[in-house]
């Protein structure tokens, strides 16, 4: 059986929502929503190139040069890592185009001075951290393992959560970053002798 990419379901949900809005005059009367879908490839440079294409009107990627069909961009929906979201914000801010994130976003992006057009559909990570601590206390799990991707978001998650857990008398027995290379997870197994001491693992997954 062919494995379906999990992003397929997100795209399918988005297309269904747009179709429902366009077909129902009660939502947006006399307005038809359009869309374009770009792949970030989890890479800042690839995302920048896709944005250049999105902001350009002709065949060449030249922003602010009108030579082709005009693109009336109302907003950009994204679910990228923090470094990519920051790059998107830097490019869209010039045009004052709203940027809406539907995934976990770093508190850094909450600074409206630097990111005035960034919005999130999920609460800030502080609420999630507090919920994790309450859950661990409820089940009396005091020996914890923490796993996270080896990127800026993962490092921030581990640093912030570890400090909060220690403050609440919860011991972090094992903390490990995971390198995601070509979509294959590579883990340093030398550290996993500590597994037997851990009550439960907490893994930070961006998607």
N, C-alpha and C. Protein backbone atom coordinates (compact mmCIF):
# COMPACT_ATOMS: atom_id res chain seq x y z
N UNK A 1 0.84 -1.20 0.00
CA UNK A 1 0.00 0.00 0.00
C UNK A 1 0.88 1.25 0.00
N UNK A 2 0.59 2.19 -0.88
CA UNK A 2 1.39 3.39 -0.98
C UNK A 2 1.18 4.31 0.22
N UNK A 3 2.30 4.76 0.79
CA UNK A 3 2.23 5.65 1.95
C UNK A 3 1.90 7.06 1.50
N UNK A 4 0.94 7.68 2.17
CA UNK A 4 0.50 9.04 1.82
C UNK A 4 1.22 10.04 2.70
N UNK A 5 1.78 11.07 2.09
CA UNK A 5 2.45 12.13 2.83
C UNK A 5 1.45 12.82 3.75
N UNK A 6 1.80 13.00 5.05
CA UNK A 6 0.85 13.63 5.99
C UNK A 6 0.45 15.04 5.60
N UNK A 7 1.29 15.73 4.83
CA UNK A 7 0.94 17.08 4.39
C UNK A 7 -0.21 17.06 3.39
N UNK A 8 -0.43 15.91 2.77
CA UNK A 8 -1.51 15.79 1.79
C UNK A 8 -2.85 16.09 2.44
N UNK A 9 -3.04 15.62 3.67
CA UNK A 9 -4.33 15.81 4.35
C UNK A 9 -4.54 17.27 4.71
N UNK A 10 -3.45 17.97 5.05
CA UNK A 10 -3.58 19.40 5.36
C UNK A 10 -3.97 20.18 4.11
N UNK A 11 -3.34 19.84 2.99
CA UNK A 11 -3.66 20.51 1.73
C UNK A 11 -5.09 20.20 1.32
N UNK A 12 -5.50 18.94 1.48
CA UNK A 12 -6.85 18.54 1.12
C UNK A 12 -7.88 19.28 1.95
N UNK A 13 -7.62 19.44 3.24
CA UNK A 13 -8.53 20.18 4.12
C UNK A 13 -8.63 21.63 3.70
N UNK A 14 -7.49 22.20 3.34
CA UNK A 14 -7.47 23.60 2.89
C UNK A 14 -8.28 23.78 1.61
N UNK A 15 -8.09 22.90 0.65
CA UNK A 15 -8.83 22.99 -0.62
C UNK A 15 -10.32 22.82 -0.40
N UNK A 16 -10.68 21.92 0.50
CA UNK A 16 -12.10 21.71 0.81
C UNK A 16 -12.72 22.97 1.42
N UNK A 17 -11.97 23.62 2.34
CA UNK A 17 -12.47 24.83 2.99
C UNK A 17 -12.68 25.95 1.97
N UNK A 18 -11.72 26.11 1.06
CA UNK A 18 -11.85 27.15 0.03
C UNK A 18 -13.05 26.87 -0.86
N UNK A 19 -13.23 25.62 -1.22
CA UNK A 19 -14.36 25.25 -2.08
C UNK A 19 -15.70 25.52 -1.39
N UNK A 20 -15.79 25.18 -0.12
CA UNK A 20 -17.03 25.41 0.63
C UNK A 20 -17.35 26.91 0.73
N UNK A 21 -16.33 27.73 0.96
CA UNK A 21 -16.54 29.17 1.07
C UNK A 21 -16.99 29.75 -0.26
N UNK A 22 -16.33 29.33 -1.34
CA UNK A 22 -16.68 29.87 -2.67
C UNK A 22 -18.06 29.46 -3.14
N UNK A 23 -18.53 28.30 -2.70
CA UNK A 23 -19.83 27.79 -3.15
C UNK A 23 -21.00 28.29 -2.30
N UNK A 24 -20.69 28.86 -1.14
CA UNK A 24 -21.75 29.34 -0.25
C UNK A 24 -21.75 30.87 -0.23
N UNK A 25 -22.76 31.51 -0.81
CA UNK A 25 -22.82 32.98 -0.87
C UNK A 25 -22.96 33.64 0.50
N UNK A 26 -23.29 32.86 1.52
CA UNK A 26 -23.45 33.41 2.86
C UNK A 26 -22.11 33.78 3.48
N UNK A 27 -21.03 33.14 3.02
CA UNK A 27 -19.71 33.42 3.59
C UNK A 27 -19.13 34.73 3.08
N UNK A 28 -18.79 34.77 1.82
CA UNK A 28 -18.20 35.98 1.23
C UNK A 28 -18.97 36.30 -0.06
N UNK A 29 -19.96 37.12 0.08
CA UNK A 29 -20.80 37.46 -1.07
C UNK A 29 -20.01 38.22 -2.14
N UNK A 30 -20.12 37.75 -3.39
CA UNK A 30 -19.47 38.38 -4.55
C UNK A 30 -17.95 38.36 -4.48
N UNK A 31 -17.40 37.47 -3.66
CA UNK A 31 -15.94 37.33 -3.56
C UNK A 31 -15.57 35.87 -3.77
N UNK A 32 -14.61 35.61 -4.63
CA UNK A 32 -14.13 34.26 -4.88
C UNK A 32 -12.68 34.15 -4.43
N UNK A 33 -12.41 33.22 -3.56
CA UNK A 33 -11.05 33.03 -3.05
C UNK A 33 -10.23 32.19 -4.03
N UNK A 34 -9.00 32.58 -4.21
CA UNK A 34 -8.06 31.80 -5.00
C UNK A 34 -6.88 31.41 -4.13
N UNK A 35 -5.99 30.61 -4.65
CA UNK A 35 -4.85 30.16 -3.84
C UNK A 35 -3.73 29.65 -4.75
N UNK A 36 -2.55 29.64 -4.19
CA UNK A 36 -1.41 28.97 -4.81
C UNK A 36 -0.67 28.25 -3.70
N UNK A 37 -0.18 27.07 -3.96
CA UNK A 37 0.49 26.25 -2.94
C UNK A 37 1.95 26.09 -3.32
N UNK A 38 2.84 26.44 -2.40
CA UNK A 38 4.28 26.35 -2.61
C UNK A 38 4.90 25.42 -1.58
N UNK A 39 5.96 24.73 -1.96
CA UNK A 39 6.67 23.83 -1.06
C UNK A 39 7.90 24.54 -0.50
N UNK A 40 8.06 24.53 0.81
CA UNK A 40 9.22 25.18 1.44
C UNK A 40 10.45 24.28 1.44
N UNK A 41 10.25 22.99 1.29
CA UNK A 41 11.33 22.00 1.32
C UNK A 41 12.13 22.09 2.62
N UNK A 42 11.52 22.67 3.67
CA UNK A 42 12.17 22.82 4.97
C UNK A 42 13.49 23.58 4.84
N UNK A 43 13.58 24.49 3.88
CA UNK A 43 14.84 25.17 3.60
C UNK A 43 14.57 26.65 3.38
N UNK A 44 15.37 27.51 4.02
CA UNK A 44 15.17 28.96 3.94
C UNK A 44 15.36 29.47 2.52
N UNK A 45 16.39 29.00 1.83
CA UNK A 45 16.67 29.47 0.47
C UNK A 45 15.57 29.08 -0.50
N UNK A 46 15.09 27.84 -0.38
CA UNK A 46 14.01 27.38 -1.26
C UNK A 46 12.73 28.16 -0.99
N UNK A 47 12.49 28.46 0.29
CA UNK A 47 11.31 29.24 0.65
C UNK A 47 11.40 30.66 0.11
N UNK A 48 12.58 31.25 0.19
CA UNK A 48 12.78 32.60 -0.34
C UNK A 48 12.53 32.65 -1.84
N UNK A 49 12.99 31.62 -2.55
CA UNK A 49 12.78 31.57 -4.00
C UNK A 49 11.30 31.43 -4.32
N UNK A 50 10.58 30.61 -3.53
CA UNK A 50 9.15 30.44 -3.75
C UNK A 50 8.40 31.74 -3.49
N UNK A 51 8.84 32.50 -2.47
CA UNK A 51 8.20 33.78 -2.17
C UNK A 51 8.47 34.80 -3.27
N UNK A 52 9.68 34.79 -3.81
CA UNK A 52 10.01 35.69 -4.91
C UNK A 52 9.08 35.43 -6.10
N UNK A 53 8.83 34.16 -6.34
CA UNK A 53 7.91 33.80 -7.43
C UNK A 53 6.50 34.26 -7.12
N UNK A 54 6.11 34.15 -5.86
CA UNK A 54 4.77 34.53 -5.44
C UNK A 54 4.56 36.04 -5.53
N UNK A 55 5.60 36.81 -5.23
CA UNK A 55 5.49 38.26 -5.20
C UNK A 55 5.74 38.91 -6.56
N UNK A 56 6.20 38.12 -7.52
CA UNK A 56 6.47 38.64 -8.86
C UNK A 56 5.28 38.38 -9.78
N UNK A 57 5.09 39.23 -10.76
CA UNK A 57 3.94 39.10 -11.65
C UNK A 57 4.30 38.48 -13.00
N UNK A 58 5.56 38.51 -13.37
CA UNK A 58 5.98 37.96 -14.66
C UNK A 58 6.63 36.61 -14.52
N UNK A 59 7.28 36.17 -15.60
CA UNK A 59 7.97 34.89 -15.57
C UNK A 59 9.25 34.96 -14.75
N UNK A 60 9.90 36.14 -14.74
CA UNK A 60 11.11 36.31 -13.94
C UNK A 60 10.75 36.73 -12.52
N UNK A 61 11.57 36.30 -11.54
CA UNK A 61 11.32 36.64 -10.15
C UNK A 61 11.83 38.04 -9.84
N UNK A 62 11.02 39.04 -10.17
CA UNK A 62 11.39 40.43 -9.94
C UNK A 62 10.23 41.13 -9.22
N UNK A 63 10.29 41.23 -7.88
CA UNK A 63 9.23 41.91 -7.14
C UNK A 63 9.12 43.38 -7.55
N UNK A 64 7.91 43.94 -7.42
CA UNK A 64 7.62 45.35 -7.71
C UNK A 64 7.75 45.70 -9.19
N UNK A 65 7.83 44.69 -10.04
CA UNK A 65 7.90 44.95 -11.49
C UNK A 65 6.69 44.30 -12.13
N UNK A 66 5.77 45.11 -12.65
CA UNK A 66 4.52 44.60 -13.20
C UNK A 66 4.69 44.23 -14.68
N UNK A 67 4.74 42.95 -14.94
CA UNK A 67 4.84 42.48 -16.33
C UNK A 67 4.17 41.12 -16.41
N UNK A 68 2.87 41.11 -16.30
CA UNK A 68 2.15 39.85 -16.30
C UNK A 68 0.88 39.97 -15.50
N UNK A 69 0.33 38.86 -15.15
CA UNK A 69 -0.92 38.84 -14.42
C UNK A 69 -0.71 39.27 -12.97
N UNK A 70 -1.53 40.19 -12.51
CA UNK A 70 -1.42 40.70 -11.15
C UNK A 70 -1.89 39.64 -10.15
N UNK A 71 -1.11 39.47 -9.07
CA UNK A 71 -1.47 38.53 -8.03
C UNK A 71 -1.95 39.31 -6.80
N UNK A 72 -3.22 39.20 -6.50
CA UNK A 72 -3.78 39.91 -5.35
C UNK A 72 -3.68 39.01 -4.12
N UNK A 73 -2.56 39.11 -3.44
CA UNK A 73 -2.30 38.25 -2.28
C UNK A 73 -2.90 38.89 -1.03
N UNK A 74 -3.87 38.23 -0.44
CA UNK A 74 -4.52 38.74 0.77
C UNK A 74 -3.77 38.32 2.03
N UNK A 75 -3.22 37.11 2.02
CA UNK A 75 -2.51 36.59 3.19
C UNK A 75 -1.73 35.36 2.79
N UNK A 76 -0.80 34.97 3.65
CA UNK A 76 -0.02 33.75 3.43
C UNK A 76 -0.18 32.83 4.63
N UNK A 77 -0.61 31.61 4.39
CA UNK A 77 -0.72 30.60 5.44
C UNK A 77 0.52 29.73 5.42
N UNK A 78 1.12 29.50 6.57
CA UNK A 78 2.33 28.69 6.61
C UNK A 78 2.41 27.90 7.90
N UNK A 79 3.16 26.80 7.83
CA UNK A 79 3.38 25.97 9.02
C UNK A 79 4.83 25.58 9.11
N UNK A 80 5.72 26.56 8.91
CA UNK A 80 7.15 26.31 8.82
C UNK A 80 7.84 26.44 10.18
N UNK A 81 9.11 26.02 10.21
CA UNK A 81 9.94 26.18 11.40
C UNK A 81 10.21 27.67 11.62
N UNK A 82 10.70 28.01 12.81
CA UNK A 82 10.87 29.41 13.17
C UNK A 82 11.80 30.16 12.23
N UNK A 83 12.93 29.56 11.86
CA UNK A 83 13.87 30.27 11.00
C UNK A 83 13.25 30.60 9.63
N UNK A 84 12.43 29.68 9.13
CA UNK A 84 11.76 29.92 7.86
C UNK A 84 10.65 30.95 8.02
N UNK A 85 9.92 30.88 9.13
CA UNK A 85 8.86 31.86 9.39
C UNK A 85 9.42 33.28 9.49
N UNK A 86 10.59 33.40 10.10
CA UNK A 86 11.24 34.71 10.21
C UNK A 86 11.60 35.25 8.83
N UNK A 87 12.11 34.38 7.97
CA UNK A 87 12.47 34.80 6.62
C UNK A 87 11.22 35.23 5.83
N UNK A 88 10.15 34.46 5.99
CA UNK A 88 8.89 34.81 5.33
C UNK A 88 8.40 36.18 5.80
N UNK A 89 8.47 36.41 7.11
CA UNK A 89 8.02 37.68 7.68
C UNK A 89 8.84 38.85 7.17
N UNK A 90 10.15 38.64 7.01
CA UNK A 90 11.03 39.72 6.53
C UNK A 90 10.66 40.12 5.11
N UNK A 91 10.27 39.15 4.29
CA UNK A 91 9.95 39.43 2.88
C UNK A 91 8.53 40.00 2.74
N UNK A 92 7.58 39.45 3.50
CA UNK A 92 6.20 39.89 3.37
C UNK A 92 5.94 41.22 4.05
N UNK A 93 6.76 41.54 5.07
CA UNK A 93 6.56 42.77 5.83
C UNK A 93 6.65 44.01 4.97
N UNK A 94 7.48 43.96 3.93
CA UNK A 94 7.62 45.10 3.03
C UNK A 94 6.30 45.42 2.34
N UNK A 95 5.52 44.38 2.08
CA UNK A 95 4.24 44.54 1.36
C UNK A 95 3.04 44.55 2.31
N UNK A 96 3.32 44.45 3.62
CA UNK A 96 2.29 44.45 4.65
C UNK A 96 1.25 43.35 4.41
N UNK A 97 1.74 42.19 4.00
CA UNK A 97 0.87 41.02 3.76
C UNK A 97 0.81 40.18 5.03
N UNK A 98 -0.38 39.92 5.57
CA UNK A 98 -0.50 39.11 6.79
C UNK A 98 0.08 37.70 6.60
N UNK A 99 0.75 37.25 7.63
CA UNK A 99 1.35 35.91 7.65
C UNK A 99 0.70 35.13 8.79
N UNK A 100 0.03 34.03 8.47
CA UNK A 100 -0.73 33.27 9.47
C UNK A 100 -0.12 31.88 9.63
N UNK A 101 0.33 31.56 10.84
CA UNK A 101 0.94 30.26 11.11
C UNK A 101 -0.08 29.35 11.78
N UNK A 102 -0.18 28.11 11.29
CA UNK A 102 -1.13 27.16 11.88
C UNK A 102 -0.42 26.07 12.70
N UNK A 103 0.87 26.27 12.99
CA UNK A 103 1.60 25.29 13.80
C UNK A 103 2.24 25.99 15.00
N UNK A 104 2.92 25.20 15.80
CA UNK A 104 3.66 25.70 16.96
C UNK A 104 4.64 26.77 16.50
N UNK A 105 4.59 27.96 17.10
CA UNK A 105 5.46 29.06 16.71
C UNK A 105 6.21 29.58 17.93
N UNK A 106 7.48 29.90 17.74
CA UNK A 106 8.31 30.40 18.82
C UNK A 106 7.79 31.72 19.36
N UNK A 107 8.08 31.97 20.65
CA UNK A 107 7.66 33.24 21.26
C UNK A 107 8.36 34.43 20.62
N UNK A 108 9.47 34.16 19.94
CA UNK A 108 10.20 35.24 19.26
C UNK A 108 9.30 35.95 18.26
N UNK A 109 8.44 35.19 17.61
CA UNK A 109 7.56 35.75 16.59
C UNK A 109 6.39 36.55 17.18
N UNK A 110 6.27 36.55 18.50
CA UNK A 110 5.20 37.31 19.15
C UNK A 110 5.56 38.79 19.28
N UNK A 111 6.80 39.15 18.99
CA UNK A 111 7.25 40.54 19.08
C UNK A 111 6.66 41.33 17.91
N UNK A 112 5.64 42.12 18.19
CA UNK A 112 4.95 42.86 17.14
C UNK A 112 5.79 44.01 16.57
N UNK A 113 6.85 44.39 17.28
CA UNK A 113 7.74 45.42 16.75
C UNK A 113 8.52 44.89 15.55
N UNK A 114 8.98 43.64 15.66
CA UNK A 114 9.75 43.03 14.58
C UNK A 114 8.86 42.31 13.57
N UNK A 115 7.74 41.75 14.07
CA UNK A 115 6.87 40.94 13.20
C UNK A 115 5.42 41.44 13.31
N UNK A 116 5.16 42.64 12.80
CA UNK A 116 3.82 43.25 12.96
C UNK A 116 2.71 42.54 12.19
N UNK A 117 3.06 41.75 11.19
CA UNK A 117 2.03 41.11 10.36
C UNK A 117 1.98 39.60 10.56
N UNK A 118 2.59 39.13 11.65
CA UNK A 118 2.57 37.69 11.95
C UNK A 118 1.44 37.37 12.92
N UNK A 119 0.65 36.35 12.57
CA UNK A 119 -0.46 35.91 13.43
C UNK A 119 -0.40 34.40 13.57
N UNK A 120 -0.91 33.92 14.68
CA UNK A 120 -0.92 32.48 14.92
C UNK A 120 -2.32 32.00 15.26
N UNK A 121 -2.60 30.75 14.89
CA UNK A 121 -3.91 30.16 15.20
C UNK A 121 -3.84 29.28 16.45
N UNK A 122 -2.63 29.07 16.97
CA UNK A 122 -2.44 28.29 18.18
C UNK A 122 -1.95 29.20 19.31
N UNK A 123 -2.23 28.86 20.55
CA UNK A 123 -1.74 29.68 21.67
C UNK A 123 -0.22 29.61 21.75
N UNK A 124 0.38 30.54 22.48
CA UNK A 124 1.83 30.57 22.63
C UNK A 124 2.31 29.31 23.35
N UNK A 125 3.60 29.01 23.22
CA UNK A 125 4.14 27.77 23.78
C UNK A 125 4.12 27.74 25.30
N UNK A 126 4.03 28.93 25.93
CA UNK A 126 4.01 28.97 27.39
C UNK A 126 2.84 28.19 27.97
N UNK A 127 1.69 28.29 27.34
CA UNK A 127 0.51 27.56 27.78
C UNK A 127 0.71 26.05 27.66
N UNK A 128 1.36 25.63 26.57
CA UNK A 128 1.60 24.21 26.35
C UNK A 128 2.59 23.65 27.37
N UNK A 129 3.63 24.43 27.70
CA UNK A 129 4.61 23.98 28.69
C UNK A 129 3.95 23.76 30.05
N UNK A 130 3.10 24.70 30.45
CA UNK A 130 2.42 24.58 31.74
C UNK A 130 1.52 23.34 31.75
N UNK A 131 0.86 23.08 30.62
CA UNK A 131 0.01 21.90 30.53
C UNK A 131 0.80 20.60 30.65
N UNK A 132 1.99 20.57 30.06
CA UNK A 132 2.84 19.38 30.15
C UNK A 132 3.23 19.11 31.60
N UNK A 133 3.62 20.16 32.31
CA UNK A 133 4.02 20.01 33.72
C UNK A 133 2.86 19.47 34.56
N UNK A 134 1.66 20.01 34.36
CA UNK A 134 0.49 19.54 35.11
C UNK A 134 0.17 18.08 34.79
N UNK A 135 0.32 17.71 33.53
CA UNK A 135 0.06 16.32 33.13
C UNK A 135 1.05 15.37 33.80
N UNK A 136 2.32 15.75 33.83
CA UNK A 136 3.34 14.90 34.46
C UNK A 136 3.09 14.74 35.95
N UNK A 137 2.72 15.83 36.61
CA UNK A 137 2.41 15.76 38.04
C UNK A 137 1.18 14.90 38.30
N UNK A 138 0.21 14.98 37.43
CA UNK A 138 -1.02 14.22 37.61
C UNK A 138 -0.76 12.71 37.60
N UNK A 139 0.14 12.26 36.72
CA UNK A 139 0.45 10.84 36.62
C UNK A 139 1.69 10.46 37.45
N UNK A 140 2.23 11.44 38.18
CA UNK A 140 3.40 11.22 39.03
C UNK A 140 4.61 10.71 38.24
N UNK A 141 4.77 11.26 37.08
CA UNK A 141 5.95 10.96 36.26
C UNK A 141 7.01 12.02 36.59
N UNK A 142 8.05 11.61 37.29
CA UNK A 142 9.06 12.58 37.72
C UNK A 142 10.43 12.32 37.10
N UNK A 143 10.57 11.23 36.36
CA UNK A 143 11.81 10.94 35.65
C UNK A 143 11.52 10.98 34.15
N UNK A 144 12.02 12.02 33.50
CA UNK A 144 11.57 12.34 32.14
C UNK A 144 12.73 12.29 31.14
N UNK A 145 12.39 11.85 29.94
CA UNK A 145 13.31 11.96 28.81
C UNK A 145 12.76 12.96 27.82
N UNK A 146 13.62 13.81 27.28
CA UNK A 146 13.18 14.85 26.34
C UNK A 146 13.91 14.67 25.01
N UNK A 147 13.14 14.57 23.93
CA UNK A 147 13.68 14.44 22.58
C UNK A 147 13.18 15.58 21.72
N UNK A 148 14.04 16.10 20.85
CA UNK A 148 13.64 17.21 19.99
C UNK A 148 14.51 17.24 18.74
N UNK A 149 14.00 17.79 17.63
CA UNK A 149 14.81 17.92 16.41
C UNK A 149 16.02 18.81 16.65
N UNK A 150 17.07 18.57 15.91
CA UNK A 150 18.29 19.35 16.05
C UNK A 150 18.21 20.61 15.19
N UNK A 151 17.35 21.55 15.62
CA UNK A 151 17.24 22.84 14.96
C UNK A 151 16.91 23.89 16.01
N UNK A 152 16.69 25.12 15.58
CA UNK A 152 16.46 26.22 16.53
C UNK A 152 15.23 25.98 17.40
N UNK A 153 14.15 25.52 16.78
CA UNK A 153 12.92 25.28 17.54
C UNK A 153 13.12 24.17 18.56
N UNK A 154 13.81 23.11 18.15
CA UNK A 154 14.06 22.00 19.06
C UNK A 154 14.92 22.40 20.24
N UNK A 155 15.96 23.20 19.98
CA UNK A 155 16.85 23.66 21.04
C UNK A 155 16.10 24.56 22.02
N UNK A 156 15.27 25.44 21.48
CA UNK A 156 14.48 26.33 22.34
C UNK A 156 13.52 25.54 23.22
N UNK A 157 12.88 24.53 22.62
CA UNK A 157 11.95 23.69 23.35
C UNK A 157 12.64 22.98 24.51
N UNK A 158 13.79 22.36 24.22
CA UNK A 158 14.50 21.61 25.24
C UNK A 158 14.99 22.52 26.36
N UNK A 159 15.54 23.67 26.00
CA UNK A 159 16.07 24.60 27.00
C UNK A 159 14.97 25.14 27.90
N UNK A 160 13.86 25.56 27.30
CA UNK A 160 12.77 26.16 28.07
C UNK A 160 12.06 25.12 28.94
N UNK A 161 11.76 23.95 28.34
CA UNK A 161 11.03 22.93 29.08
C UNK A 161 11.87 22.34 30.21
N UNK A 162 13.16 22.11 29.95
CA UNK A 162 14.04 21.54 30.98
C UNK A 162 14.10 22.45 32.19
N UNK A 163 14.21 23.75 31.96
CA UNK A 163 14.24 24.72 33.07
C UNK A 163 12.94 24.67 33.87
N UNK A 164 11.82 24.61 33.16
CA UNK A 164 10.51 24.58 33.82
C UNK A 164 10.31 23.28 34.60
N UNK A 165 10.74 22.15 34.04
CA UNK A 165 10.60 20.87 34.72
C UNK A 165 11.43 20.83 35.99
N UNK A 166 12.66 21.30 35.91
CA UNK A 166 13.55 21.32 37.09
C UNK A 166 12.97 22.18 38.19
N UNK A 167 12.38 23.32 37.80
CA UNK A 167 11.77 24.23 38.77
C UNK A 167 10.59 23.58 39.49
N UNK A 168 9.95 22.62 38.81
CA UNK A 168 8.79 21.93 39.39
C UNK A 168 9.15 20.54 39.92
N UNK A 169 10.43 20.34 40.25
CA UNK A 169 10.91 19.11 40.88
C UNK A 169 10.67 17.87 40.02
N UNK A 170 10.84 18.02 38.73
CA UNK A 170 10.77 16.90 37.79
C UNK A 170 12.16 16.74 37.18
N UNK A 171 12.70 15.55 37.25
CA UNK A 171 14.09 15.29 36.83
C UNK A 171 14.15 14.88 35.36
N UNK A 172 14.99 15.59 34.60
CA UNK A 172 15.23 15.24 33.20
C UNK A 172 16.42 14.28 33.17
N UNK A 173 16.13 13.00 33.03
CA UNK A 173 17.16 11.96 33.04
C UNK A 173 17.94 11.96 31.73
N UNK A 174 17.23 12.17 30.64
CA UNK A 174 17.84 12.09 29.32
C UNK A 174 17.29 13.19 28.42
N UNK A 175 18.18 13.92 27.77
CA UNK A 175 17.77 14.90 26.76
C UNK A 175 18.60 14.65 25.51
N UNK A 176 17.96 14.55 24.39
CA UNK A 176 18.64 14.15 23.15
C UNK A 176 18.05 14.89 21.96
N UNK A 177 18.92 15.48 21.15
CA UNK A 177 18.47 16.09 19.90
C UNK A 177 18.56 15.05 18.79
N UNK A 178 17.65 15.13 17.85
CA UNK A 178 17.58 14.16 16.76
C UNK A 178 17.82 14.88 15.44
N UNK A 179 18.77 14.39 14.68
CA UNK A 179 19.06 14.96 13.37
C UNK A 179 18.15 14.34 12.33
N UNK A 180 17.43 15.20 11.63
CA UNK A 180 16.54 14.73 10.58
C UNK A 180 17.24 14.93 9.24
N UNK A 181 17.78 13.85 8.71
CA UNK A 181 18.54 13.91 7.47
C UNK A 181 17.81 13.10 6.41
N UNK A 182 17.42 13.78 5.32
CA UNK A 182 16.72 13.12 4.21
C UNK A 182 15.51 12.32 4.72
N UNK A 183 14.82 12.92 5.74
CA UNK A 183 13.60 12.34 6.30
C UNK A 183 13.86 11.02 7.03
N UNK A 184 15.13 10.69 7.30
CA UNK A 184 15.46 9.51 8.09
C UNK A 184 15.95 9.96 9.45
N UNK A 185 15.42 9.39 10.53
CA UNK A 185 15.79 9.80 11.87
C UNK A 185 17.05 9.05 12.30
N UNK A 186 18.09 9.80 12.67
CA UNK A 186 19.32 9.21 13.15
C UNK A 186 19.50 9.55 14.62
N UNK A 187 19.59 8.56 15.46
CA UNK A 187 19.65 8.76 16.90
C UNK A 187 20.95 8.17 17.44
N UNK A 188 21.60 8.90 18.34
CA UNK A 188 22.79 8.40 19.00
C UNK A 188 22.38 7.39 20.07
N UNK A 189 22.53 6.12 19.74
CA UNK A 189 22.05 5.07 20.63
C UNK A 189 22.92 4.90 21.88
N UNK A 190 24.10 5.51 21.91
CA UNK A 190 24.98 5.38 23.07
C UNK A 190 24.35 5.98 24.33
N UNK A 191 23.48 6.95 24.15
CA UNK A 191 22.86 7.61 25.29
C UNK A 191 21.64 6.85 25.82
N UNK A 192 21.19 5.83 25.09
CA UNK A 192 19.90 5.25 25.42
C UNK A 192 19.95 4.16 26.48
N UNK A 193 21.10 4.00 27.13
CA UNK A 193 21.15 3.09 28.27
C UNK A 193 20.34 3.67 29.43
N UNK A 194 20.08 4.96 29.38
CA UNK A 194 19.31 5.63 30.42
C UNK A 194 17.81 5.41 30.27
N UNK A 195 17.41 4.75 29.19
CA UNK A 195 15.97 4.55 28.94
C UNK A 195 15.27 3.86 30.10
N UNK A 196 15.95 2.93 30.73
CA UNK A 196 15.32 2.14 31.79
C UNK A 196 14.98 2.99 33.01
N UNK A 197 15.60 4.18 33.12
CA UNK A 197 15.33 5.04 34.27
C UNK A 197 14.17 6.01 34.02
N UNK A 198 13.73 6.09 32.77
CA UNK A 198 12.74 7.10 32.39
C UNK A 198 11.32 6.59 32.54
N UNK A 199 10.45 7.42 33.15
CA UNK A 199 9.02 7.10 33.25
C UNK A 199 8.30 7.32 31.93
N UNK A 200 8.63 8.43 31.28
CA UNK A 200 7.96 8.79 30.03
C UNK A 200 8.85 9.73 29.22
N UNK A 201 8.70 9.68 27.88
CA UNK A 201 9.44 10.57 27.00
C UNK A 201 8.53 11.68 26.49
N UNK A 202 9.11 12.86 26.34
CA UNK A 202 8.43 13.99 25.71
C UNK A 202 9.17 14.29 24.42
N UNK A 203 8.45 14.25 23.31
CA UNK A 203 9.07 14.54 22.02
C UNK A 203 8.44 15.78 21.39
N UNK A 204 9.28 16.68 20.96
CA UNK A 204 8.81 17.90 20.29
C UNK A 204 8.81 17.65 18.79
N UNK A 205 7.63 17.57 18.22
CA UNK A 205 7.50 17.37 16.79
C UNK A 205 6.89 18.61 16.15
N UNK A 206 7.54 19.13 15.09
CA UNK A 206 7.06 20.34 14.46
C UNK A 206 5.82 20.11 13.63
N UNK A 207 5.64 18.89 13.13
CA UNK A 207 4.49 18.61 12.27
C UNK A 207 3.73 17.41 12.82
